[in-house]
C-alpha atoms as a PDB file:
ATOM      1  CA  MET A   1      21.502  12.984 -21.897  1.00  0.00           C
ATOM      2  CA  THR A   2      20.706  16.003 -19.722  1.00  0.00           C
ATOM      3  CA  PHE A   3      23.160  15.961 -16.832  1.00  0.00           C
ATOM      4  CA  LYS A   4      23.270  18.229 -13.771  1.00  0.00           C
ATOM      5  CA  HIS A   5      25.873  18.146 -11.015  1.00  0.00           C
ATOM      6  CA  ILE A   6      24.369  19.691  -7.878  1.00  0.00           C
ATOM      7  CA  ILE A   7      26.588  20.440  -4.887  1.00  0.00           C
ATOM      8  CA  SER A   8      24.433  22.817  -2.830  1.00  0.00           C
ATOM      9  CA  ARG A   9      21.530  21.965  -0.522  1.00  0.00           C
ATOM     10  CA  ASP A  10      20.051  25.327  -1.492  1.00  0.00           C
ATOM     11  CA  ASN A  11      19.576  24.150  -5.070  1.00  0.00           C
ATOM     12  CA  ALA A  12      15.859  24.104  -5.998  1.00  0.00           C
ATOM     13  CA  ILE A  13      16.051  20.616  -7.531  1.00  0.00           C
ATOM     14  CA  PHE A  14      17.626  19.117  -4.409  1.00  0.00           C
ATOM     15  CA  LYS A  15      15.104  20.874  -2.168  1.00  0.00           C
ATOM     16  CA  GLN A  16      12.258  19.377  -4.182  1.00  0.00           C
ATOM     17  CA  LEU A  17      13.777  15.885  -4.094  1.00  0.00           C
ATOM     18  CA  LYS A  18      14.238  16.188  -0.321  1.00  0.00           C
ATOM     19  CA  LYS A  19      10.586  17.190   0.121  1.00  0.00           C
ATOM     20  CA  LEU A  20       9.461  14.194  -1.918  1.00  0.00           C
ATOM     21  CA  SER A  21      11.661  11.910   0.174  1.00  0.00           C
ATOM     22  CA  ASP A  22      10.355  13.267   3.487  1.00  0.00           C
ATOM     23  CA  SER A  23       6.739  14.327   2.971  1.00  0.00           C
ATOM     24  CA  ALA A  24       3.639  12.282   2.125  1.00  0.00           C
ATOM     25  CA  ARG A  25       1.760  15.535   1.494  1.00  0.00           C
ATOM     26  CA  GLU A  26       4.359  16.608  -1.050  1.00  0.00           C
ATOM     27  CA  ARG A  27       4.179  13.233  -2.796  1.00  0.00           C
ATOM     28  CA  ARG A  28       0.386  13.448  -3.010  1.00  0.00           C
ATOM     29  CA  SER A  29       0.540  17.044  -4.230  1.00  0.00           C
ATOM     30  CA  GLU A  30       3.136  16.374  -6.922  1.00  0.00           C
ATOM     31  CA  GLY A  31       1.966  12.860  -7.813  1.00  0.00           C
ATOM     32  CA  LYS A  32       5.593  11.744  -7.719  1.00  0.00           C
ATOM     33  CA  THR A  33       7.924   9.713  -5.511  1.00  0.00           C
ATOM     34  CA  LEU A  34      11.481   8.403  -5.326  1.00  0.00           C
ATOM     35  CA  LEU A  35      12.463   4.809  -5.993  1.00  0.00           C
ATOM     36  CA  ASP A  36      15.595   3.488  -4.313  1.00  0.00           C
ATOM     37  CA  GLY A  37      17.607   0.722  -5.914  1.00  0.00           C
ATOM     38  CA  VAL A  38      17.951  -1.163  -9.154  1.00  0.00           C
ATOM     39  CA  HIS A  39      15.228  -3.760  -8.489  1.00  0.00           C
ATOM     40  CA  LEU A  40      12.505  -1.201  -7.800  1.00  0.00           C
ATOM     41  CA  ILE A  41      13.462   0.959 -10.761  1.00  0.00           C
ATOM     42  CA  GLU A  42      13.537  -2.017 -13.121  1.00  0.00           C
ATOM     43  CA  SER A  43      10.141  -3.187 -11.806  1.00  0.00           C
ATOM     44  CA  TYR A  44       8.693   0.250 -12.461  1.00  0.00           C
ATOM     45  CA  ILE A  45      10.175   0.457 -15.961  1.00  0.00           C
ATOM     46  CA  ALA A  46       8.784  -2.973 -16.894  1.00  0.00           C
ATOM     47  CA  THR A  47       5.214  -1.727 -16.427  1.00  0.00           C
ATOM     48  CA  PHE A  48       5.227   2.065 -16.639  1.00  0.00           C
ATOM     49  CA  GLY A  49       8.240   3.036 -18.735  1.00  0.00           C
ATOM     50  CA  ASP A  50      11.202   5.286 -18.066  1.00  0.00           C
ATOM     51  CA  PRO A  51      11.570   7.350 -14.890  1.00  0.00           C
ATOM     52  CA  ASP A  52      11.506  11.138 -15.113  1.00  0.00           C
ATOM     53  CA  VAL A  53      14.964  11.603 -13.608  1.00  0.00           C
ATOM     54  CA  LEU A  54      17.821   9.457 -12.293  1.00  0.00           C
ATOM     55  CA  ILE A  55      19.733  10.564  -9.200  1.00  0.00           C
ATOM     56  CA  ILE A  56      23.230   9.208  -8.629  1.00  0.00           C
ATOM     57  CA  PRO A  57      25.997   9.871  -6.071  1.00  0.00           C
ATOM     58  CA  GLU A  58      29.494  11.070  -6.799  1.00  0.00           C
ATOM     59  CA  GLY A  59      32.009   8.275  -6.990  1.00  0.00           C
ATOM     60  CA  LYS A  60      31.359   4.634  -7.798  1.00  0.00           C
ATOM     61  CA  SER A  61      27.959   2.954  -7.816  1.00  0.00           C
ATOM     62  CA  SER A  62      27.395  -0.794  -7.672  1.00  0.00           C
ATOM     63  CA  LEU A  63      27.866  -2.782 -10.872  1.00  0.00           C
ATOM     64  CA  GLU A  64      24.080  -3.288 -11.165  1.00  0.00           C
ATOM     65  CA  ALA A  65      23.434   0.426 -10.740  1.00  0.00           C
ATOM     66  CA  THR A  66      26.119   1.313 -13.275  1.00  0.00           C
ATOM     67  CA  CYS A  67      24.572  -1.017 -15.873  1.00  0.00           C
ATOM     68  CA  LEU A  68      21.136   0.483 -15.267  1.00  0.00           C
ATOM     69  CA  ILE A  69      22.457   4.037 -15.536  1.00  0.00           C
ATOM     70  CA  GLN A  70      24.157   3.180 -18.823  1.00  0.00           C
ATOM     71  CA  ALA A  71      20.962   1.580 -20.167  1.00  0.00           C
ATOM     72  CA  LEU A  72      19.026   4.738 -19.272  1.00  0.00           C
ATOM     73  CA  GLU A  73      21.571   7.211 -20.624  1.00  0.00           C
ATOM     74  CA  HIS A  74      18.738   9.016 -22.452  1.00  0.00           C
ATOM     75  CA  VAL A  75      17.067   9.878 -19.118  1.00  0.00           C
ATOM     76  CA  SER A  76      17.927  13.166 -17.397  1.00  0.00           C
ATOM     77  CA  THR A  77      20.426  12.564 -14.583  1.00  0.00           C
ATOM     78  CA  VAL A  78      21.297  14.466 -11.423  1.00  0.00           C
ATOM     79  CA  MET A  79      24.557  13.813  -9.577  1.00  0.00           C
ATOM     80  CA  LEU A  80      24.853  14.655  -5.881  1.00  0.00           C
ATOM     81  CA  PRO A  81      27.654  14.563  -3.313  1.00  0.00           C
ATOM     82  CA  THR A  82      27.559  11.341  -1.296  1.00  0.00           C
ATOM     83  CA  LEU A  83      26.195  12.943   1.866  1.00  0.00           C
ATOM     84  CA  MET A  84      23.413  14.761  -0.009  1.00  0.00           C
ATOM     85  CA  PHE A  85      22.507  11.557  -1.845  1.00  0.00           C
ATOM     86  CA  ALA A  86      22.327   9.732   1.500  1.00  0.00           C
ATOM     87  CA  GLU A  87      19.707  12.246   2.705  1.00  0.00           C
ATOM     88  CA  LEU A  88      17.329  10.983   0.016  1.00  0.00           C
ATOM     89  CA  THR A  89      17.694   7.238   0.549  1.00  0.00           C
ATOM     90  CA  PRO A  90      16.019   5.206   3.328  1.00  0.00           C
ATOM     91  CA  VAL A  91      18.764   2.593   3.581  1.00  0.00           C
ATOM     92  CA  THR A  92      22.301   2.626   4.942  1.00  0.00           C
ATOM     93  CA  ASN A  93      23.858   0.601   2.118  1.00  0.00           C
ATOM     94  CA  ALA A  94      22.273   2.159  -0.943  1.00  0.00           C
ATOM     95  CA  THR A  95      22.918   0.648  -4.366  1.00  0.00           C
ATOM     96  CA  GLY A  96      23.830   4.027  -5.796  1.00  0.00           C
ATOM     97  CA  VAL A  97      20.837   5.044  -7.882  1.00  0.00           C
ATOM     98  CA  LEU A  98      17.469   6.688  -7.234  1.00  0.00           C
ATOM     99  CA  ALA A  99      14.717   7.490  -9.692  1.00  0.00           C
ATOM    100  CA  LEU A 100      12.079  10.209  -9.673  1.00  0.00           C
ATOM    101  CA  VAL A 101       8.845   8.711 -11.044  1.00  0.00           C
ATOM    102  CA  LYS A 102       5.184   9.495 -11.409  1.00  0.00           C
ATOM    103  CA  ILE A 103       3.044   7.615  -8.886  1.00  0.00           C
ATOM    104  CA  PRO A 104       1.046   5.019 -10.854  1.00  0.00           C
ATOM    105  CA  GLN A 105      -2.712   4.736 -10.400  1.00  0.00           C
ATOM    106  CA  LEU A 106      -3.957   1.191 -10.957  1.00  0.00           C
ATOM    107  CA  PRO A 107      -7.764   0.983 -11.283  1.00  0.00           C
ATOM    108  CA  VAL A 108      -9.701  -1.345  -9.005  1.00  0.00           C
ATOM    109  CA  PRO A 109     -11.310  -4.131 -11.108  1.00  0.00           C
ATOM    110  CA  GLU A 110     -15.100  -4.056 -11.404  1.00  0.00           C
ATOM    111  CA  GLN A 111     -15.334  -7.605 -10.055  1.00  0.00           C
ATOM    112  CA  ILE A 112     -13.295  -8.205  -6.908  1.00  0.00           C
ATOM    113  CA  ASP A 113     -13.659 -11.143  -4.555  1.00  0.00           C
ATOM    114  CA  PHE A 114     -10.381 -11.030  -2.623  1.00  0.00           C
ATOM    115  CA  VAL A 115      -9.780  -7.815  -0.713  1.00  0.00           C
ATOM    116  CA  LEU A 116      -7.464  -6.609   2.029  1.00  0.00           C
ATOM    117  CA  MET A 117      -8.395  -3.614   4.195  1.00  0.00           C
ATOM    118  CA  LEU A 118      -5.866  -2.002   6.527  1.00  0.00           C
ATOM    119  CA  GLU A 119      -6.725   0.356   9.368  1.00  0.00           C
ATOM    120  CA  ASP A 120      -4.112   2.799  10.664  1.00  0.00           C
ATOM    121  CA  ILE A 121      -1.001   0.762   9.826  1.00  0.00           C
ATOM    122  CA  GLN A 122       1.840   3.015  10.980  1.00  0.00           C
ATOM    123  CA  ASP A 123       5.172   1.411  10.130  1.00  0.00           C
ATOM    124  CA  PRO A 124       6.094   1.979   6.447  1.00  0.00           C
ATOM    125  CA  GLY A 125       8.377  -1.055   6.269  1.00  0.00           C
ATOM    126  CA  ASN A 126       5.641  -3.214   7.765  1.00  0.00           C
ATOM    127  CA  LEU A 127       3.130  -1.805   5.282  1.00  0.00           C
ATOM    128  CA  GLY A 128       5.446  -2.566   2.377  1.00  0.00           C
ATOM    129  CA  SER A 129       5.879  -6.145   3.585  1.00  0.00           C
ATOM    130  CA  ILE A 130       2.101  -6.556   3.919  1.00  0.00           C
ATOM    131  CA  LEU A 131       1.566  -5.293   0.374  1.00  0.00           C
ATOM    132  CA  ARG A 132       4.235  -7.680  -0.921  1.00  0.00           C
ATOM    133  CA  THR A 133       2.395 -10.548   0.794  1.00  0.00           C
ATOM    134  CA  ALA A 134      -0.924  -9.381  -0.661  1.00  0.00           C
ATOM    135  CA  ALA A 135       0.500  -9.330  -4.177  1.00  0.00           C
ATOM    136  CA  GLY A 136       1.930 -12.812  -3.709  1.00  0.00           C
ATOM    137  CA  ALA A 137      -1.389 -14.165  -2.449  1.00  0.00           C
ATOM    138  CA  GLY A 138      -3.330 -12.762  -5.404  1.00  0.00           C
ATOM    139  CA  VAL A 139      -5.334 -10.058  -3.619  1.00  0.00           C
ATOM    140  CA  HIS A 140      -7.454  -8.051  -6.069  1.00  0.00           C
ATOM    141  CA  ALA A 141      -7.399  -4.716  -4.221  1.00  0.00           C
ATOM    142  CA  VAL A 142      -6.106  -3.124  -1.023  1.00  0.00           C
ATOM    143  CA  TYR A 143      -7.852  -0.335   0.884  1.00  0.00           C
ATOM    144  CA  LEU A 144      -6.072   1.755   3.511  1.00  0.00           C
ATOM    145  CA  SER A 145      -7.714   3.985   6.080  1.00  0.00           C
ATOM    146  CA  ILE A 146      -6.976   7.696   6.211  1.00  0.00           C
ATOM    147  CA  GLY A 147      -4.776   7.101   9.272  1.00  0.00           C
ATOM    148  CA  SER A 148      -2.434   4.633   7.568  1.00  0.00           C
ATOM    149  CA  THR A 149       1.105   5.534   6.605  1.00  0.00           C
ATOM    150  CA  ASP A 150       1.903   6.531   3.028  1.00  0.00           C
ATOM    151  CA  VAL A 151       2.102   3.677   0.514  1.00  0.00           C
ATOM    152  CA  TRP A 152       4.553   5.639  -1.645  1.00  0.00           C
ATOM    153  CA  SER A 153       7.141   6.561   0.966  1.00  0.00           C
ATOM    154  CA  PRO A 154      10.669   5.336   0.169  1.00  0.00           C
ATOM    155  CA  LYS A 155      10.586   2.878   3.105  1.00  0.00           C
ATOM    156  CA  ALA A 156       7.186   1.451   2.147  1.00  0.00           C
ATOM    157  CA  LEU A 157       8.327   1.070  -1.446  1.00  0.00           C
ATOM    158  CA  ARG A 158      11.500  -0.645  -0.290  1.00  0.00           C
ATOM    159  CA  GLY A 159       9.455  -3.068   1.810  1.00  0.00           C
ATOM    160  CA  GLY A 160       6.981  -3.705  -1.004  1.00  0.00           C
ATOM    161  CA  GLN A 161       9.693  -4.612  -3.540  1.00  0.00           C
ATOM    162  CA  GLY A 162       7.428  -3.734  -6.463  1.00  0.00           C
ATOM    163  CA  ALA A 163       4.068  -4.747  -4.958  1.00  0.00           C
ATOM    164  CA  GLN A 164       2.796  -1.182  -5.358  1.00  0.00           C
ATOM    165  CA  PHE A 165       3.250  -1.520  -9.128  1.00  0.00           C
ATOM    166  CA  VAL A 166       0.935  -4.525  -9.509  1.00  0.00           C
ATOM    167  CA  LEU A 167      -1.676  -4.056  -6.758  1.00  0.00           C
ATOM    168  CA  PRO A 168      -4.648  -1.706  -7.092  1.00  0.00           C
ATOM    169  CA  ILE A 169      -4.345   0.331  -3.877  1.00  0.00           C
ATOM    170  CA  VAL A 170      -6.888   2.845  -2.599  1.00  0.00           C
ATOM    171  CA  GLU A 171      -5.478   5.156   0.062  1.00  0.00           C
ATOM    172  CA  ARG A 172      -7.387   7.347   2.519  1.00  0.00           C
ATOM    173  CA  SER A 173     -10.429   5.087   2.272  1.00  0.00           C
ATOM    174  CA  ASP A 174     -13.583   5.058   4.369  1.00  0.00           C
ATOM    175  CA  LEU A 175     -13.279   1.420   5.397  1.00  0.00           C
ATOM    176  CA  ILE A 176     -16.802   1.246   6.837  1.00  0.00           C
ATOM    177  CA  ALA A 177     -18.277   2.462   3.548  1.00  0.00           C
ATOM    178  CA  GLU A 178     -16.147  -0.011   1.593  1.00  0.00           C
ATOM    179  CA  LEU A 179     -17.229  -2.863   3.876  1.00  0.00           C
ATOM    180  CA  GLN A 180     -20.876  -1.947   3.377  1.00  0.00           C
ATOM    181  CA  LYS A 181     -20.402  -2.055  -0.407  1.00  0.00           C
ATOM    182  CA  PHE A 182     -18.441  -5.314  -0.468  1.00  0.00           C
ATOM    183  CA  ALA A 183     -20.556  -8.184  -1.799  1.00  0.00           C
ATOM    184  CA  GLY A 184     -19.007 -10.984   0.226  1.00  0.00           C
ATOM    185  CA  ASN A 185     -17.863 -12.040   3.681  1.00  0.00           C
ATOM    186  CA  SER A 186     -15.635  -9.648   5.631  1.00  0.00           C
ATOM    187  CA  TYR A 187     -13.469 -10.872   8.497  1.00  0.00           C
ATOM    188  CA  ALA A 188     -12.040  -8.726  11.269  1.00  0.00           C
ATOM    189  CA  THR A 189      -8.892 -10.139  12.832  1.00  0.00           C
ATOM    190  CA  ALA A 190      -9.156  -9.952  16.624  1.00  0.00           C
ATOM    191  CA  MET A 191      -7.967 -11.496  19.865  1.00  0.00           C
ATOM    192  CA  ASP A 192     -11.348 -13.152  20.331  1.00  0.00           C
ATOM    193  CA  GLY A 193     -13.283 -14.741  17.500  1.00  0.00           C
ATOM    194  CA  GLU A 194     -13.836 -17.924  15.599  1.00  0.00           C
ATOM    195  CA  SER A 195     -10.799 -19.763  14.300  1.00  0.00           C
ATOM    196  CA  ILE A 196      -9.823 -18.749  10.782  1.00  0.00           C
ATOM    197  CA  TYR A 197      -9.364 -22.448  10.010  1.00  0.00           C
ATOM    198  CA  GLU A 198     -13.073 -23.079  10.645  1.00  0.00           C
ATOM    199  CA  GLN A 199     -14.211 -20.566   8.020  1.00  0.00           C
ATOM    200  CA  ASP A 200     -15.211 -21.259   4.425  1.00  0.00           C
ATOM    201  CA  LEU A 201     -13.098 -18.704   2.610  1.00  0.00           C
ATOM    202  CA  THR A 202     -13.840 -19.860  -0.925  1.00  0.00           C
ATOM    203  CA  ALA A 203     -16.533 -17.210  -1.451  1.00  0.00           C
ATOM    204  CA  ALA A 204     -15.773 -13.503  -1.935  1.00  0.00           C
ATOM    205  CA  THR A 205     -13.623 -12.545   1.051  1.00  0.00           C
ATOM    206  CA  ALA A 206     -12.283  -9.370   2.632  1.00  0.00           C
ATOM    207  CA  PHE A 207      -9.817  -9.452   5.509  1.00  0.00           C
ATOM    208  CA  VAL A 208      -9.581  -6.410   7.753  1.00  0.00           C
ATOM    209  CA  ILE A 209      -6.316  -5.903   9.653  1.00  0.00           C
ATOM    210  CA  GLY A 210      -5.793  -3.292  12.350  1.00  0.00           C
ATOM    211  CA  ASN A 211      -3.103  -1.091  13.790  1.00  0.00           C
ATOM    212  CA  GLU A 212       0.052  -2.816  15.033  1.00  0.00           C
ATOM    213  CA  GLY A 213      -0.623  -1.846  18.653  1.00  0.00           C
ATOM    214  CA  ALA A 214      -4.303  -1.028  19.062  1.00  0.00           C
ATOM    215  CA  GLY A 215      -5.838  -3.432  16.551  1.00  0.00           C
ATOM    216  CA  LEU A 216      -9.114  -2.575  14.833  1.00  0.00           C
ATOM    217  CA  SER A 217     -11.477   0.148  15.965  1.00  0.00           C
ATOM    218  CA  LYS A 218     -14.864  -0.926  17.335  1.00  0.00           C
ATOM    219  CA  GLN A 219     -16.630   0.868  14.486  1.00  0.00           C
ATOM    220  CA  VAL A 220     -14.760  -1.022  11.770  1.00  0.00           C
ATOM    221  CA  MET A 221     -15.132  -4.334  13.593  1.00  0.00           C
ATOM    222  CA  ALA A 222     -18.893  -3.781  13.835  1.00  0.00           C
ATOM    223  CA  ALA A 223     -19.093  -3.264  10.072  1.00  0.00           C
ATOM    224  CA  THR A 224     -17.540  -6.663   9.288  1.00  0.00           C
ATOM    225  CA  SER A 225     -19.393  -9.965   8.925  1.00  0.00           C
ATOM    226  CA  LYS A 226     -17.439 -11.817  11.593  1.00  0.00           C
ATOM    227  CA  SER A 227     -14.464 -11.607  13.943  1.00  0.00           C
ATOM    228  CA  ILE A 228     -11.823 -14.286  13.507  1.00  0.00           C
ATOM    229  CA  THR A 229      -8.660 -15.206  15.331  1.00  0.00           C
ATOM    230  CA  ILE A 230      -5.532 -17.207  14.545  1.00  0.00           C
ATOM    231  CA  PRO A 231      -5.194 -20.000  17.151  1.00  0.00           C
ATOM    232  CA  MET A 232      -1.933 -19.807  19.053  1.00  0.00           C
ATOM    233  CA  ALA A 233       0.026 -22.654  20.600  1.00  0.00           C
ATOM    234  CA  THR A 234       0.222 -22.924  24.390  1.00  0.00           C
ATOM    235  CA  SER A 235       3.225 -24.365  26.207  1.00  0.00           C
ATOM    236  CA  LEU A 236       4.388 -24.732  29.811  1.00  0.00           C
ATOM    237  CA  LEU A 237       5.984 -21.328  29.409  1.00  0.00           C
ATOM    238  CA  GLY A 238       2.697 -19.720  28.363  1.00  0.00           C
ATOM    239  CA  SER A 239       1.552 -18.458  24.988  1.00  0.00           C
ATOM    240  CA  ILE A 240       1.973 -15.481  22.693  1.00  0.00           C
ATOM    241  CA  GLU A 241      -1.111 -13.284  22.836  1.00  0.00           C
ATOM    242  CA  SER A 242      -1.041 -12.152  19.217  1.00  0.00           C
ATOM    243  CA  LEU A 243       0.986 -11.972  16.020  1.00  0.00           C
ATOM    244  CA  ASN A 244       2.167  -8.763  14.433  1.00  0.00           C
ATOM    245  CA  ALA A 245       0.085  -7.298  11.615  1.00  0.00           C
ATOM    246  CA  GLY A 246       2.356  -8.611   8.862  1.00  0.00           C
ATOM    247  CA  ALA A 247       2.372 -12.205  10.102  1.00  0.00           C
ATOM    248  CA  ALA A 248      -1.384 -12.201  10.730  1.00  0.00           C
ATOM    249  CA  THR A 249      -2.014 -10.855   7.249  1.00  0.00           C
ATOM    250  CA  ALA A 250       0.137 -13.539   5.622  1.00  0.00           C
ATOM    251  CA  ILE A 251      -1.648 -16.359   7.457  1.00  0.00           C
ATOM    252  CA  CYS A 252      -5.100 -15.036   6.587  1.00  0.00           C
ATOM    253  CA  LEU A 253      -4.383 -14.352   2.932  1.00  0.00           C
ATOM    254  CA  PHE A 254      -2.653 -17.634   2.209  1.00  0.00           C
ATOM    255  CA  GLU A 255      -5.256 -19.657   4.098  1.00  0.00           C
ATOM    256  CA  ARG A 256      -7.820 -18.205   1.722  1.00  0.00           C
ATOM    257  CA  THR A 257      -5.570 -18.961  -1.262  1.00  0.00           C
ATOM    258  CA  ARG A 258      -5.068 -22.532  -0.001  1.00  0.00           C
ATOM    259  CA  GLN A 259      -8.813 -23.129   0.340  1.00  0.00           C
ATOM    260  CA  VAL A 260      -9.602 -21.732  -3.104  1.00  0.00           C
ATOM    261  CA  ASN A 261      -6.880 -23.823  -4.758  1.00  0.00           C
ATOM    262  CA  HIS A 262      -8.058 -26.923  -2.899  1.00  0.00           C
ATOM    263  CA  LYS A 263     -11.616 -26.341  -4.081  1.00  0.00           C
ATOM    264  CA  LEU A 264     -10.449 -25.941  -7.658  1.00  0.00           C
ATOM    265  CA  GLU A 265      -8.608 -29.269  -7.449  1.00  0.00           C
ATOM    266  CA  ILE A 266     -11.693 -31.009  -6.113  1.00  0.00           C
ATOM    267  CA  ASP A 267     -13.904 -29.487  -8.813  1.00  0.00           C
ATOM    268  CA  LYS A 268     -11.667 -30.693 -11.637  1.00  0.00           C
END
């Protein structure tokens, strides 16, 4: 095992790790990112093999992290002082192990009939949660606009819990061009539109979800087949105007999954 104990922030290796932790541009340029925690690292290894480097803090790591480090004793390891290690991790209670890995590139299948398109999603944790939902619902591909936050940031990866390793994801996409190419029905989520529960979603379907605050742009909405809304309950105290992007995405995706599964049962 190649082992390096780094104690200075001026060290070139630490500087590079810090850039990868902080900068989407650096991650794109290098084609690498940092994974935080045992679960993410194990998920990566299961599909793509060993990480390039392990990063561990001085002192004790969790039992899970220690077992993983021992299992990967053949992988080059960097040890950092606790405070320097904390500068690289997006969480307060880190498990005690990071991994430097190559960013995987999963190809989009030739035939896709279940697509999610995201315009200008800003919160990395929210994006990770949305991708996790998409993977669970069986989405075939995800497209993100050029204004969306980085899929491979430590916080987005933490929120995705491995979704980025199984979902074909196309970043910096021209959503209007992708909508024009999509051979199916595309639905823009909006405040005003037809109820999602009145749509036949069993054909090829793309859902288009907008920014957490501003929603979808007029140009993207105009490129979709139809605007839909999720009906909200009204009480004596009033009603909620809209759901956040993550909740809206989950309802849309799993309503489509429900309809497809129901149709398959009927057709049996």
